[in-house]
Amino acid sequence: MFQFFIGCVVGLFAGFMLFVALIASEQLDIAIATNTVIAIATVVATIIHFSSIKQQRKDRIWDINKPILLDLSHTLSLVIKASEFFLQCEYASNCLDDQPDDRDKPGAGVYKDFEEKQEYALNVYKALMDKELIEALANAKRISQNIDHGVTEHGIDLVTAYEQQINVYRGLQEKLDYFIAEMSGVKDL
């Protein structure tokens, strides 16, 4: 954005210098110069108008998506912390490591709360969110269900399951954070 602004300033300066040079050489009539300036001003006003409409649309989409995206991000970070806590518990029981601190123990219903927010985003906000983010949410849900199925049906080691789930959730969190930054306009600053 800053480079665009600098380019506009330099372009206006160069254009003004060219305009003054043409008027000084008397090859340009004042009526033609006036019409040219009016045409250029109209083009600039049109560009500003379309840019404003685009920004207003982006702001409306952000206002619509903000509550669910921030809630989803918060519950996802809680799920990652809970998975890391339970992974540490598994390490402690299998490898005789130190038990994690009970203060870090996640609250009851952390996973259920995230699943509810995830379902809500997939079912209700699907039309309002980025297609790539919806696919990432659905993919993370599918992989998480496969991991749960593998643990209950096929006896996959809990350490492996927690590690896989943490990796899936961290990938989802990266995409969610990027989308939030993009939609909120933080990337434009």
N, C-alpha and C. Protein backbone atom coordinates (compact mmCIF):
# COMPACT_ATOMS: atom_id res chain seq x y z
N MET A 1 0.83 -1.18 0.00
CA MET A 1 0.00 0.00 0.00
C MET A 1 0.88 1.25 0.00
N PHE A 2 1.95 1.25 0.79
CA PHE A 2 2.84 2.39 0.85
C PHE A 2 3.53 2.60 -0.49
N GLN A 3 3.91 1.50 -1.16
CA GLN A 3 4.56 1.61 -2.46
C GLN A 3 3.60 2.21 -3.49
N PHE A 4 2.32 1.84 -3.39
CA PHE A 4 1.32 2.40 -4.29
C PHE A 4 1.21 3.91 -4.07
N PHE A 5 1.19 4.32 -2.81
CA PHE A 5 1.10 5.74 -2.48
C PHE A 5 2.31 6.50 -3.02
N ILE A 6 3.50 5.98 -2.82
CA ILE A 6 4.72 6.62 -3.32
C ILE A 6 4.68 6.69 -4.86
N GLY A 7 4.22 5.61 -5.49
CA GLY A 7 4.10 5.60 -6.95
C GLY A 7 3.14 6.66 -7.44
N CYS A 8 2.03 6.84 -6.73
CA CYS A 8 1.05 7.87 -7.11
C CYS A 8 1.66 9.27 -6.98
N VAL A 9 2.38 9.52 -5.90
CA VAL A 9 2.99 10.83 -5.67
C VAL A 9 4.02 11.13 -6.76
N VAL A 10 4.88 10.16 -7.04
CA VAL A 10 5.90 10.36 -8.07
C VAL A 10 5.24 10.52 -9.44
N GLY A 11 4.22 9.74 -9.72
CA GLY A 11 3.51 9.86 -10.99
C GLY A 11 2.83 11.19 -11.15
N LEU A 12 2.19 11.68 -10.10
CA LEU A 12 1.55 13.00 -10.17
C LEU A 12 2.60 14.10 -10.37
N PHE A 13 3.72 13.99 -9.69
CA PHE A 13 4.78 14.99 -9.85
C PHE A 13 5.30 14.98 -11.29
N ALA A 14 5.59 13.79 -11.81
CA ALA A 14 6.10 13.68 -13.18
C ALA A 14 5.06 14.18 -14.18
N GLY A 15 3.81 13.83 -13.96
CA GLY A 15 2.74 14.30 -14.84
C GLY A 15 2.59 15.80 -14.81
N PHE A 16 2.69 16.39 -13.62
CA PHE A 16 2.60 17.84 -13.49
C PHE A 16 3.75 18.52 -14.21
N MET A 17 4.94 17.96 -14.07
CA MET A 17 6.10 18.54 -14.75
C MET A 17 5.94 18.44 -16.28
N LEU A 18 5.42 17.34 -16.76
CA LEU A 18 5.17 17.18 -18.19
C LEU A 18 4.11 18.17 -18.65
N PHE A 19 3.08 18.33 -17.85
CA PHE A 19 2.00 19.27 -18.17
C PHE A 19 2.53 20.70 -18.26
N VAL A 20 3.36 21.09 -17.30
CA VAL A 20 3.94 22.43 -17.30
C VAL A 20 4.85 22.61 -18.52
N ALA A 21 5.61 21.57 -18.86
CA ALA A 21 6.51 21.65 -20.02
C ALA A 21 5.71 21.80 -21.31
N LEU A 22 4.60 21.11 -21.43
CA LEU A 22 3.78 21.22 -22.64
C LEU A 22 3.12 22.59 -22.75
N ILE A 23 2.65 23.11 -21.62
CA ILE A 23 2.03 24.44 -21.65
C ILE A 23 3.09 25.49 -21.97
N ALA A 24 4.28 25.35 -21.41
CA ALA A 24 5.35 26.32 -21.65
C ALA A 24 5.79 26.31 -23.10
N SER A 25 5.72 25.18 -23.75
CA SER A 25 6.13 25.12 -25.15
C SER A 25 5.00 25.54 -26.09
N GLU A 26 3.85 25.89 -25.54
CA GLU A 26 2.68 26.38 -26.28
C GLU A 26 2.17 25.37 -27.31
N GLN A 27 2.39 24.11 -27.12
CA GLN A 27 1.85 23.09 -28.01
C GLN A 27 0.53 22.54 -27.48
N LEU A 28 0.12 22.99 -26.33
CA LEU A 28 -1.09 22.46 -25.69
C LEU A 28 -2.04 23.60 -25.42
N ASP A 29 -3.25 23.45 -25.87
CA ASP A 29 -4.28 24.46 -25.65
C ASP A 29 -4.82 24.30 -24.22
N ILE A 30 -5.23 25.38 -23.59
CA ILE A 30 -5.74 25.34 -22.22
C ILE A 30 -7.03 24.53 -22.15
N ALA A 31 -7.88 24.57 -23.15
CA ALA A 31 -9.13 23.81 -23.15
C ALA A 31 -8.84 22.31 -23.17
N ILE A 32 -7.87 21.90 -23.96
CA ILE A 32 -7.49 20.48 -24.01
C ILE A 32 -6.89 20.06 -22.66
N ALA A 33 -6.07 20.92 -22.09
CA ALA A 33 -5.47 20.61 -20.80
C ALA A 33 -6.54 20.48 -19.71
N THR A 34 -7.52 21.37 -19.74
CA THR A 34 -8.60 21.31 -18.76
C THR A 34 -9.39 20.01 -18.90
N ASN A 35 -9.75 19.64 -20.10
CA ASN A 35 -10.48 18.39 -20.33
C ASN A 35 -9.66 17.16 -19.93
N THR A 36 -8.36 17.21 -20.18
CA THR A 36 -7.50 16.11 -19.79
C THR A 36 -7.45 15.96 -18.28
N VAL A 37 -7.31 17.07 -17.57
CA VAL A 37 -7.28 17.04 -16.11
C VAL A 37 -8.60 16.51 -15.56
N ILE A 38 -9.71 16.95 -16.15
CA ILE A 38 -11.04 16.47 -15.71
C ILE A 38 -11.16 14.96 -15.95
N ALA A 39 -10.69 14.48 -17.08
CA ALA A 39 -10.76 13.04 -17.39
C ALA A 39 -9.90 12.24 -16.41
N ILE A 40 -8.71 12.72 -16.12
CA ILE A 40 -7.84 12.02 -15.19
C ILE A 40 -8.45 12.01 -13.79
N ALA A 41 -9.03 13.14 -13.38
CA ALA A 41 -9.68 13.22 -12.07
C ALA A 41 -10.86 12.26 -12.00
N THR A 42 -11.59 12.11 -13.08
CA THR A 42 -12.73 11.18 -13.11
C THR A 42 -12.24 9.74 -12.96
N VAL A 43 -11.16 9.40 -13.63
CA VAL A 43 -10.61 8.04 -13.52
C VAL A 43 -10.15 7.78 -12.09
N VAL A 44 -9.47 8.74 -11.49
CA VAL A 44 -9.00 8.57 -10.11
C VAL A 44 -10.19 8.44 -9.16
N ALA A 45 -11.22 9.26 -9.35
CA ALA A 45 -12.41 9.17 -8.49
C ALA A 45 -13.10 7.82 -8.64
N THR A 46 -13.15 7.30 -9.85
CA THR A 46 -13.76 5.99 -10.07
C THR A 46 -12.96 4.89 -9.39
N ILE A 47 -11.66 4.96 -9.48
CA ILE A 47 -10.81 3.97 -8.82
C ILE A 47 -11.00 4.03 -7.31
N ILE A 48 -11.04 5.23 -6.75
CA ILE A 48 -11.26 5.38 -5.31
C ILE A 48 -12.63 4.83 -4.91
N HIS A 49 -13.63 5.08 -5.73
CA HIS A 49 -14.98 4.59 -5.43
C HIS A 49 -15.02 3.06 -5.41
N PHE A 50 -14.45 2.43 -6.42
CA PHE A 50 -14.46 0.97 -6.46
C PHE A 50 -13.63 0.37 -5.32
N SER A 51 -12.52 1.02 -4.99
CA SER A 51 -11.72 0.56 -3.87
C SER A 51 -12.51 0.67 -2.56
N SER A 52 -13.25 1.74 -2.41
CA SER A 52 -14.07 1.93 -1.22
C SER A 52 -15.17 0.87 -1.12
N ILE A 53 -15.81 0.57 -2.23
CA ILE A 53 -16.85 -0.46 -2.24
C ILE A 53 -16.26 -1.82 -1.89
N LYS A 54 -15.09 -2.12 -2.43
CA LYS A 54 -14.42 -3.39 -2.13
C LYS A 54 -14.08 -3.49 -0.65
N GLN A 55 -13.57 -2.40 -0.07
CA GLN A 55 -13.22 -2.38 1.35
C GLN A 55 -14.46 -2.50 2.22
N GLN A 56 -15.56 -1.85 1.84
CA GLN A 56 -16.80 -1.95 2.60
C GLN A 56 -17.32 -3.38 2.60
N ARG A 57 -17.23 -4.04 1.46
CA ARG A 57 -17.67 -5.44 1.37
C ARG A 57 -16.82 -6.32 2.27
N LYS A 58 -15.51 -6.11 2.23
CA LYS A 58 -14.60 -6.88 3.07
C LYS A 58 -14.90 -6.64 4.55
N ASP A 59 -15.18 -5.39 4.91
CA ASP A 59 -15.51 -5.07 6.30
C ASP A 59 -16.81 -5.73 6.75
N ARG A 60 -17.81 -5.76 5.87
CA ARG A 60 -19.08 -6.44 6.20
C ARG A 60 -18.87 -7.93 6.40
N ILE A 61 -18.08 -8.54 5.53
CA ILE A 61 -17.81 -9.98 5.66
C ILE A 61 -17.08 -10.25 6.97
N TRP A 62 -16.13 -9.39 7.33
CA TRP A 62 -15.41 -9.56 8.59
C TRP A 62 -16.37 -9.42 9.77
N ASP A 63 -17.24 -8.42 9.73
CA ASP A 63 -18.19 -8.22 10.83
C ASP A 63 -19.13 -9.42 11.00
N ILE A 64 -19.49 -10.04 9.89
CA ILE A 64 -20.36 -11.22 9.96
C ILE A 64 -19.61 -12.42 10.52
N ASN A 65 -18.37 -12.61 10.08
CA ASN A 65 -17.59 -13.80 10.46
C ASN A 65 -16.84 -13.67 11.77
N LYS A 66 -16.65 -12.46 12.25
CA LYS A 66 -15.79 -12.22 13.42
C LYS A 66 -16.16 -13.06 14.64
N PRO A 67 -17.43 -13.10 15.07
CA PRO A 67 -17.71 -13.86 16.30
C PRO A 67 -17.37 -15.35 16.19
N ILE A 68 -17.78 -15.98 15.11
CA ILE A 68 -17.55 -17.41 14.99
C ILE A 68 -16.06 -17.71 14.79
N LEU A 69 -15.36 -16.87 14.03
CA LEU A 69 -13.94 -17.11 13.80
C LEU A 69 -13.12 -16.96 15.08
N LEU A 70 -13.41 -15.94 15.86
CA LEU A 70 -12.67 -15.74 17.10
C LEU A 70 -13.00 -16.83 18.12
N ASP A 71 -14.28 -17.22 18.20
CA ASP A 71 -14.65 -18.33 19.09
C ASP A 71 -13.99 -19.63 18.66
N LEU A 72 -13.99 -19.88 17.37
CA LEU A 72 -13.37 -21.09 16.84
C LEU A 72 -11.87 -21.08 17.12
N SER A 73 -11.22 -19.96 16.94
CA SER A 73 -9.79 -19.85 17.21
C SER A 73 -9.50 -20.08 18.70
N HIS A 74 -10.32 -19.51 19.55
CA HIS A 74 -10.12 -19.67 20.99
C HIS A 74 -10.30 -21.13 21.41
N THR A 75 -11.38 -21.76 20.97
CA THR A 75 -11.62 -23.16 21.36
C THR A 75 -10.56 -24.08 20.75
N LEU A 76 -10.08 -23.75 19.56
CA LEU A 76 -9.03 -24.55 18.94
C LEU A 76 -7.74 -24.47 19.75
N SER A 77 -7.39 -23.28 20.22
CA SER A 77 -6.18 -23.17 21.04
C SER A 77 -6.34 -23.93 22.35
N LEU A 78 -7.55 -23.94 22.92
CA LEU A 78 -7.78 -24.72 24.14
C LEU A 78 -7.66 -26.22 23.88
N VAL A 79 -8.14 -26.66 22.72
CA VAL A 79 -8.03 -28.08 22.35
C VAL A 79 -6.57 -28.47 22.16
N ILE A 80 -5.78 -27.60 21.55
CA ILE A 80 -4.36 -27.90 21.36
C ILE A 80 -3.67 -28.01 22.72
N LYS A 81 -3.97 -27.09 23.62
CA LYS A 81 -3.38 -27.15 24.97
C LYS A 81 -3.82 -28.41 25.71
N ALA A 82 -5.10 -28.77 25.56
CA ALA A 82 -5.60 -29.98 26.22
C ALA A 82 -4.92 -31.22 25.65
N SER A 83 -4.76 -31.28 24.34
CA SER A 83 -4.09 -32.42 23.72
C SER A 83 -2.64 -32.51 24.17
N GLU A 84 -1.98 -31.36 24.27
CA GLU A 84 -0.59 -31.37 24.75
C GLU A 84 -0.52 -31.83 26.21
N PHE A 85 -1.50 -31.45 27.02
CA PHE A 85 -1.54 -31.89 28.41
C PHE A 85 -1.71 -33.41 28.48
N PHE A 86 -2.66 -33.94 27.73
CA PHE A 86 -2.90 -35.39 27.76
C PHE A 86 -1.75 -36.16 27.14
N LEU A 87 -1.08 -35.57 26.15
CA LEU A 87 0.12 -36.20 25.59
C LEU A 87 1.21 -36.28 26.65
N GLN A 88 1.38 -35.21 27.41
CA GLN A 88 2.37 -35.23 28.49
C GLN A 88 2.00 -36.26 29.55
N CYS A 89 0.71 -36.41 29.82
CA CYS A 89 0.26 -37.44 30.77
C CYS A 89 0.61 -38.83 30.26
N GLU A 90 0.42 -39.06 28.97
CA GLU A 90 0.76 -40.35 28.38
C GLU A 90 2.26 -40.61 28.43
N TYR A 91 3.05 -39.59 28.11
CA TYR A 91 4.49 -39.72 28.22
C TYR A 91 4.89 -40.06 29.66
N ALA A 92 4.26 -39.39 30.60
CA ALA A 92 4.59 -39.60 32.01
C ALA A 92 4.26 -41.03 32.45
N SER A 93 3.14 -41.55 31.98
CA SER A 93 2.75 -42.90 32.38
C SER A 93 3.57 -43.97 31.66
N ASN A 94 3.98 -43.71 30.42
CA ASN A 94 4.74 -44.70 29.64
C ASN A 94 6.24 -44.62 29.88
N CYS A 95 6.77 -43.45 30.07
CA CYS A 95 8.22 -43.27 30.14
C CYS A 95 8.70 -42.82 31.50
N LEU A 96 7.82 -42.80 32.46
CA LEU A 96 8.14 -42.39 33.82
C LEU A 96 8.68 -40.96 33.88
N ASP A 97 8.13 -40.10 33.03
CA ASP A 97 8.47 -38.68 33.08
C ASP A 97 7.66 -38.01 34.18
N ASP A 98 7.97 -36.75 34.40
CA ASP A 98 7.22 -35.99 35.39
C ASP A 98 5.80 -35.77 34.90
N GLN A 99 4.88 -35.85 35.83
CA GLN A 99 3.48 -35.57 35.52
C GLN A 99 3.32 -34.07 35.26
N PRO A 100 2.44 -33.71 34.32
CA PRO A 100 2.21 -32.28 34.10
C PRO A 100 1.51 -31.66 35.31
N ASP A 101 1.64 -30.37 35.43
CA ASP A 101 1.06 -29.64 36.55
C ASP A 101 -0.46 -29.67 36.42
N ASP A 102 -1.14 -29.91 37.53
CA ASP A 102 -2.61 -29.98 37.51
C ASP A 102 -3.24 -28.63 37.18
N ARG A 103 -2.51 -27.55 37.35
CA ARG A 103 -3.05 -26.24 36.98
C ARG A 103 -3.24 -26.13 35.48
N ASP A 104 -2.50 -26.91 34.71
CA ASP A 104 -2.61 -26.90 33.25
C ASP A 104 -3.71 -27.82 32.74
N LYS A 105 -4.35 -28.54 33.65
CA LYS A 105 -5.38 -29.49 33.25
C LYS A 105 -6.53 -28.74 32.58
N PRO A 106 -6.93 -29.23 31.41
CA PRO A 106 -8.01 -28.54 30.69
C PRO A 106 -9.36 -28.71 31.38
N GLY A 107 -10.22 -27.77 31.10
CA GLY A 107 -11.57 -27.84 31.65
C GLY A 107 -12.38 -28.93 30.97
N ALA A 108 -13.42 -29.33 31.64
CA ALA A 108 -14.30 -30.36 31.06
C ALA A 108 -15.03 -29.78 29.86
N GLY A 109 -15.16 -30.56 28.84
CA GLY A 109 -15.93 -30.15 27.67
C GLY A 109 -15.17 -29.32 26.65
N VAL A 110 -13.85 -29.28 26.75
CA VAL A 110 -13.05 -28.49 25.80
C VAL A 110 -13.22 -29.04 24.38
N TYR A 111 -13.12 -30.34 24.26
CA TYR A 111 -13.25 -30.96 22.93
C TYR A 111 -14.66 -30.82 22.39
N LYS A 112 -15.65 -30.99 23.26
CA LYS A 112 -17.04 -30.88 22.83
C LYS A 112 -17.35 -29.46 22.37
N ASP A 113 -16.84 -28.47 23.09
CA ASP A 113 -17.07 -27.08 22.72
C ASP A 113 -16.46 -26.78 21.35
N PHE A 114 -15.25 -27.28 21.11
CA PHE A 114 -14.62 -27.07 19.81
C PHE A 114 -15.41 -27.76 18.70
N GLU A 115 -15.84 -28.98 18.94
CA GLU A 115 -16.60 -29.70 17.92
C GLU A 115 -17.90 -28.98 17.60
N GLU A 116 -18.54 -28.38 18.61
CA GLU A 116 -19.77 -27.62 18.36
C GLU A 116 -19.49 -26.39 17.50
N LYS A 117 -18.42 -25.67 17.82
CA LYS A 117 -18.05 -24.48 17.03
C LYS A 117 -17.66 -24.89 15.61
N GLN A 118 -16.97 -26.01 15.49
CA GLN A 118 -16.56 -26.50 14.18
C GLN A 118 -17.80 -26.87 13.35
N GLU A 119 -18.73 -27.59 13.94
CA GLU A 119 -19.97 -27.96 13.25
C GLU A 119 -20.76 -26.72 12.85
N TYR A 120 -20.83 -25.76 13.76
CA TYR A 120 -21.56 -24.53 13.49
C TYR A 120 -20.95 -23.79 12.30
N ALA A 121 -19.61 -23.72 12.28
CA ALA A 121 -18.93 -23.06 11.16
C ALA A 121 -19.16 -23.81 9.85
N LEU A 122 -19.11 -25.14 9.93
CA LEU A 122 -19.27 -25.94 8.71
C LEU A 122 -20.71 -25.91 8.18
N ASN A 123 -21.68 -25.85 9.06
CA ASN A 123 -23.06 -25.93 8.62
C ASN A 123 -23.72 -24.57 8.41
N VAL A 124 -23.47 -23.62 9.30
CA VAL A 124 -24.18 -22.35 9.23
C VAL A 124 -23.39 -21.30 8.44
N TYR A 125 -22.11 -21.18 8.71
CA TYR A 125 -21.29 -20.13 8.11
C TYR A 125 -20.59 -20.57 6.83
N LYS A 126 -20.91 -21.72 6.33
CA LYS A 126 -20.22 -22.27 5.17
C LYS A 126 -20.26 -21.32 3.97
N ALA A 127 -21.39 -20.71 3.74
CA ALA A 127 -21.54 -19.83 2.58
C ALA A 127 -20.82 -18.50 2.77
N LEU A 128 -20.50 -18.14 4.00
CA LEU A 128 -19.90 -16.83 4.26
C LEU A 128 -18.39 -16.88 4.45
N MET A 129 -17.84 -18.08 4.54
CA MET A 129 -16.40 -18.21 4.79
C MET A 129 -15.66 -18.62 3.52
N ASP A 130 -14.36 -18.46 3.60
CA ASP A 130 -13.47 -18.82 2.52
C ASP A 130 -13.54 -20.32 2.26
N LYS A 131 -13.58 -20.69 1.01
CA LYS A 131 -13.70 -22.09 0.62
C LYS A 131 -12.53 -22.92 1.16
N GLU A 132 -11.33 -22.35 1.13
CA GLU A 132 -10.14 -23.07 1.61
C GLU A 132 -10.23 -23.32 3.12
N LEU A 133 -10.75 -22.35 3.86
CA LEU A 133 -10.89 -22.52 5.31
C LEU A 133 -11.94 -23.59 5.63
N ILE A 134 -13.04 -23.58 4.91
CA ILE A 134 -14.08 -24.60 5.13
C ILE A 134 -13.52 -25.99 4.83
N GLU A 135 -12.75 -26.11 3.75
CA GLU A 135 -12.13 -27.40 3.42
C GLU A 135 -11.15 -27.83 4.51
N ALA A 136 -10.40 -26.88 5.07
CA ALA A 136 -9.46 -27.20 6.14
C ALA A 136 -10.20 -27.66 7.40
N LEU A 137 -11.32 -27.01 7.71
CA LEU A 137 -12.13 -27.42 8.87
C LEU A 137 -12.69 -28.83 8.66
N ALA A 138 -13.23 -29.07 7.48
CA ALA A 138 -13.80 -30.39 7.19
C ALA A 138 -12.72 -31.47 7.18
N ASN A 139 -11.56 -31.15 6.64
CA ASN A 139 -10.46 -32.11 6.60
C ASN A 139 -9.96 -32.42 8.01
N ALA A 140 -9.83 -31.39 8.85
CA ALA A 140 -9.40 -31.60 10.23
C ALA A 140 -10.42 -32.45 10.99
N LYS A 141 -11.69 -32.22 10.74
CA LYS A 141 -12.74 -33.01 11.39
C LYS A 141 -12.64 -34.47 10.97
N ARG A 142 -12.45 -34.68 9.67
CA ARG A 142 -12.36 -36.05 9.15
C ARG A 142 -11.14 -36.77 9.72
N ILE A 143 -10.01 -36.11 9.73
CA ILE A 143 -8.79 -36.73 10.26
C ILE A 143 -8.93 -37.02 11.75
N SER A 144 -9.52 -36.10 12.49
CA SER A 144 -9.73 -36.30 13.93
C SER A 144 -10.64 -37.51 14.18
N GLN A 145 -11.69 -37.63 13.37
CA GLN A 145 -12.58 -38.79 13.50
C GLN A 145 -11.84 -40.08 13.16
N ASN A 146 -10.98 -40.04 12.15
CA ASN A 146 -10.19 -41.23 11.79
C ASN A 146 -9.23 -41.62 12.91
N ILE A 147 -8.64 -40.62 13.55
CA ILE A 147 -7.73 -40.90 14.67
C ILE A 147 -8.52 -41.51 15.83
N ASP A 148 -9.68 -40.94 16.15
CA ASP A 148 -10.51 -41.49 17.22
C ASP A 148 -10.94 -42.92 16.91
N HIS A 149 -11.30 -43.15 15.66
CA HIS A 149 -11.70 -44.50 15.24
C HIS A 149 -10.51 -45.46 15.35
N GLY A 150 -9.34 -45.00 14.97
CA GLY A 150 -8.14 -45.84 15.05
C GLY A 150 -7.80 -46.21 16.49
N VAL A 151 -8.02 -45.28 17.41
CA VAL A 151 -7.72 -45.56 18.81
C VAL A 151 -8.73 -46.55 19.38
N THR A 152 -10.02 -46.34 19.11
CA THR A 152 -11.05 -47.20 19.70
C THR A 152 -11.15 -48.56 19.01
N GLU A 153 -10.99 -48.60 17.71
CA GLU A 153 -11.20 -49.85 16.96
C GLU A 153 -9.92 -50.63 16.71
N HIS A 154 -8.83 -49.94 16.48
CA HIS A 154 -7.60 -50.61 16.06
C HIS A 154 -6.48 -50.54 17.08
N GLY A 155 -6.74 -49.92 18.19
CA GLY A 155 -5.76 -49.89 19.27
C GLY A 155 -4.51 -49.09 18.99
N ILE A 156 -4.64 -48.00 18.26
CA ILE A 156 -3.48 -47.14 18.00
C ILE A 156 -3.01 -46.54 19.32
N ASP A 157 -1.71 -46.43 19.46
CA ASP A 157 -1.10 -45.89 20.66
C ASP A 157 -1.59 -44.46 20.90
N LEU A 158 -1.91 -44.15 22.14
CA LEU A 158 -2.43 -42.82 22.48
C LEU A 158 -1.41 -41.72 22.23
N VAL A 159 -0.15 -42.01 22.45
CA VAL A 159 0.89 -41.00 22.21
C VAL A 159 0.89 -40.60 20.73
N THR A 160 0.86 -41.60 19.86
CA THR A 160 0.82 -41.34 18.42
C THR A 160 -0.45 -40.59 18.05
N ALA A 161 -1.56 -41.00 18.63
CA ALA A 161 -2.83 -40.35 18.31
C ALA A 161 -2.82 -38.88 18.73
N TYR A 162 -2.34 -38.59 19.93
CA TYR A 162 -2.28 -37.20 20.38
C TYR A 162 -1.33 -36.37 19.52
N GLU A 163 -0.18 -36.95 19.15
CA GLU A 163 0.76 -36.22 18.31
C GLU A 163 0.16 -35.90 16.95
N GLN A 164 -0.54 -36.87 16.35
CA GLN A 164 -1.19 -36.63 15.07
C GLN A 164 -2.28 -35.56 15.19
N GLN A 165 -3.05 -35.66 16.26
CA GLN A 165 -4.13 -34.70 16.45
C GLN A 165 -3.58 -33.29 16.67
N ILE A 166 -2.52 -33.17 17.43
CA ILE A 166 -1.91 -31.85 17.66
C ILE A 166 -1.40 -31.27 16.34
N ASN A 167 -0.78 -32.08 15.51
CA ASN A 167 -0.29 -31.61 14.21
C ASN A 167 -1.44 -31.14 13.32
N VAL A 168 -2.53 -31.89 13.31
CA VAL A 168 -3.69 -31.51 12.51
C VAL A 168 -4.27 -30.19 13.02
N TYR A 169 -4.41 -30.07 14.33
CA TYR A 169 -5.00 -28.86 14.90
C TYR A 169 -4.09 -27.64 14.72
N ARG A 170 -2.78 -27.84 14.79
CA ARG A 170 -1.87 -26.71 14.57
C ARG A 170 -1.92 -26.24 13.12
N GLY A 171 -2.02 -27.17 12.19
CA GLY A 171 -2.18 -26.79 10.78
C GLY A 171 -3.46 -26.02 10.56
N LEU A 172 -4.53 -26.48 11.20
CA LEU A 172 -5.80 -25.77 11.09
C LEU A 172 -5.71 -24.39 11.73
N GLN A 173 -5.01 -24.30 12.85
CA GLN A 173 -4.88 -23.01 13.52
C GLN A 173 -4.10 -22.01 12.65
N GLU A 174 -3.08 -22.48 11.95
CA GLU A 174 -2.33 -21.60 11.05
C GLU A 174 -3.23 -21.05 9.96
N LYS A 175 -4.04 -21.91 9.36
CA LYS A 175 -4.95 -21.45 8.30
C LYS A 175 -6.01 -20.50 8.86
N LEU A 176 -6.50 -20.82 10.03
CA LEU A 176 -7.51 -19.97 10.67
C LEU A 176 -6.92 -18.61 11.03
N ASP A 177 -5.72 -18.60 11.58
CA ASP A 177 -5.07 -17.33 11.93
C ASP A 177 -4.80 -16.49 10.69
N TYR A 178 -4.36 -17.13 9.62
CA TYR A 178 -4.12 -16.41 8.37
C TYR A 178 -5.42 -15.80 7.84
N PHE A 179 -6.49 -16.59 7.86
CA PHE A 179 -7.78 -16.10 7.37
C PHE A 179 -8.29 -14.95 8.23
N ILE A 180 -8.14 -15.06 9.55
CA ILE A 180 -8.58 -13.99 10.45
C ILE A 180 -7.77 -12.72 10.16
N ALA A 181 -6.47 -12.85 10.01
CA ALA A 181 -5.63 -11.67 9.73
C ALA A 181 -6.00 -11.06 8.38
N GLU A 182 -6.28 -11.90 7.41
CA GLU A 182 -6.64 -11.42 6.08
C GLU A 182 -7.98 -10.69 6.10
N MET A 183 -8.97 -11.30 6.74
CA MET A 183 -10.31 -10.71 6.76
C MET A 183 -10.39 -9.47 7.63
N SER A 184 -9.65 -9.44 8.72
CA SER A 184 -9.73 -8.30 9.63
C SER A 184 -8.99 -7.09 9.09
N GLY A 185 -8.13 -7.30 8.13
CA GLY A 185 -7.38 -6.20 7.56
C GLY A 185 -6.05 -5.96 8.25
N VAL A 186 -5.66 -6.82 9.15
CA VAL A 186 -4.39 -6.67 9.86
C VAL A 186 -3.23 -6.76 8.88
N LYS A 187 -3.35 -7.60 7.86
CA LYS A 187 -2.28 -7.76 6.87
C LYS A 187 -2.10 -6.50 6.04
N ASP A 188 -3.14 -5.66 5.94
CA ASP A 188 -3.07 -4.45 5.12
C ASP A 188 -2.34 -3.31 5.81
N LEU A 189 -2.12 -3.42 7.12
CA LEU A 189 -1.49 -2.32 7.85
C LEU A 189 -0.02 -2.26 7.62
